[in-house]
């Protein structure tokens, strides 16, 4: 089973990097990615706290919800950043940035 998205779908936008490394994707996070990351984490902490039924479970539920939100928020931001670099999401800012720096991948 081939799980490479680039094998089955063609990018709709200019490709900055066909297979970007982890450091480049994380370095490409923009303000909206960080905002989504923090929002998902914050909502998950709140939901975790509110789902603790007994007073002794509120703290552990909040921590667990926060960890789940932290991982989910990071993966969502990572997906958006990688999608922009690979040309699957609108990426005018990335194209301008990397053309200005002289990178052609």
Protein backbone atom coordinates (compact mmCIF):
# COMPACT_ATOMS: atom_id res chain seq x y z
CA UNK A 1 0.00 0.00 0.00
CA UNK A 2 1.47 3.31 -1.06
CA UNK A 3 0.83 6.03 1.54
CA UNK A 4 2.67 8.81 -0.29
CA UNK A 5 0.11 11.52 -1.05
CA UNK A 6 2.28 12.94 -3.80
CA UNK A 7 1.95 9.66 -5.72
CA UNK A 8 -1.83 9.97 -6.03
CA UNK A 9 -2.54 13.71 -6.00
CA UNK A 10 -0.99 16.53 -7.96
CA UNK A 11 -0.26 19.81 -6.18
CA UNK A 12 -2.51 22.71 -7.14
CA UNK A 13 0.01 25.38 -6.09
CA UNK A 14 3.74 25.90 -6.74
CA UNK A 15 5.92 23.32 -4.98
CA UNK A 16 8.54 24.79 -2.67
CA UNK A 17 9.84 21.43 -1.39
CA UNK A 18 8.52 18.06 -2.57
CA UNK A 19 9.58 16.16 0.55
CA UNK A 20 10.36 18.73 3.29
CA UNK A 21 12.37 17.62 6.35
CA UNK A 22 10.94 17.99 9.87
CA UNK A 23 13.03 21.04 10.73
CA UNK A 24 11.97 22.92 7.58
CA UNK A 25 8.28 22.19 8.19
CA UNK A 26 8.42 23.34 11.83
CA UNK A 27 10.47 26.39 10.83
CA UNK A 28 7.77 27.24 8.30
CA UNK A 29 4.99 27.54 10.93
CA UNK A 30 3.23 30.89 10.55
CA UNK A 31 1.20 32.91 13.05
CA UNK A 32 -2.04 31.16 12.14
CA UNK A 33 -0.41 27.74 12.69
CA UNK A 34 0.72 28.77 16.18
CA UNK A 35 -2.69 30.27 16.92
CA UNK A 36 -4.45 27.03 15.95
CA UNK A 37 -1.89 25.01 17.93
CA UNK A 38 -2.47 27.05 21.12
CA UNK A 39 -6.26 27.15 20.64
CA UNK A 40 -6.58 23.38 20.23
CA UNK A 41 -4.38 22.84 23.29
CA UNK A 42 -6.34 25.34 25.39
CA UNK A 43 -9.71 23.91 24.43
CA UNK A 44 -8.48 20.39 25.20
CA UNK A 45 -7.26 21.43 28.67
CA UNK A 46 -10.65 22.97 29.40
CA UNK A 47 -12.57 19.95 28.13
CA UNK A 48 -10.30 17.66 30.15
CA UNK A 49 -10.94 19.67 33.31
CA UNK A 50 -14.69 19.75 32.77
CA UNK A 51 -14.86 16.03 32.03
CA UNK A 52 -13.34 15.13 35.40
CA UNK A 53 -16.44 13.95 37.24
CA UNK A 54 -15.01 13.65 40.75
CA UNK A 55 -12.91 16.40 42.34
CA UNK A 56 -9.88 14.07 42.50
CA UNK A 57 -10.05 13.39 38.77
CA UNK A 58 -10.20 16.95 37.51
CA UNK A 59 -6.42 17.49 37.61
CA UNK A 60 -5.40 14.24 35.88
CA UNK A 61 -8.20 14.68 33.32
CA UNK A 62 -7.01 18.21 32.60
CA UNK A 63 -3.40 17.07 32.12
CA UNK A 64 -4.45 14.19 29.88
CA UNK A 65 -6.71 16.45 27.81
CA UNK A 66 -3.91 19.00 27.55
CA UNK A 67 -1.41 16.41 26.31
CA UNK A 68 -3.86 15.11 23.73
CA UNK A 69 -4.59 18.68 22.60
CA UNK A 70 -0.88 19.50 22.47
CA UNK A 71 -0.17 16.56 20.19
CA UNK A 72 -3.26 17.16 18.06
CA UNK A 73 -2.57 20.88 17.72
CA UNK A 74 1.03 20.24 16.72
CA UNK A 75 0.01 17.65 14.13
CA UNK A 76 -2.59 20.01 12.68
CA UNK A 77 -0.07 22.86 12.41
CA UNK A 78 2.52 20.48 10.94
CA UNK A 79 0.05 19.21 8.34
CA UNK A 80 -0.80 22.76 7.23
CA UNK A 81 2.84 23.83 7.06
CA UNK A 82 3.94 20.74 5.13
CA UNK A 83 0.95 21.09 2.80
CA UNK A 84 1.96 24.63 1.94
CA UNK A 85 5.57 23.62 1.26
CA UNK A 86 4.46 20.69 -0.93
CA UNK A 87 1.98 22.82 -2.87
CA UNK A 88 -1.26 21.27 -1.62
CA UNK A 89 -2.46 24.40 0.22
CA UNK A 90 -2.27 28.07 -0.82
CA UNK A 91 1.34 29.15 -0.38
CA UNK A 92 1.95 32.62 -1.81
CA UNK A 93 3.99 33.65 1.22
CA UNK A 94 6.27 30.60 1.12
CA UNK A 95 6.88 30.91 -2.62
CA UNK A 96 7.80 34.59 -2.27
CA UNK A 97 10.02 33.90 0.74
CA UNK A 98 11.99 31.07 -0.85
CA UNK A 99 12.29 32.79 -4.25
CA UNK A 100 13.68 35.87 -2.52
CA UNK A 101 16.29 33.70 -0.76
CA UNK A 102 17.21 31.97 -4.03
CA UNK A 103 16.07 28.44 -3.22
CA UNK A 104 14.75 26.37 -6.13
CA UNK A 105 13.67 22.85 -5.14
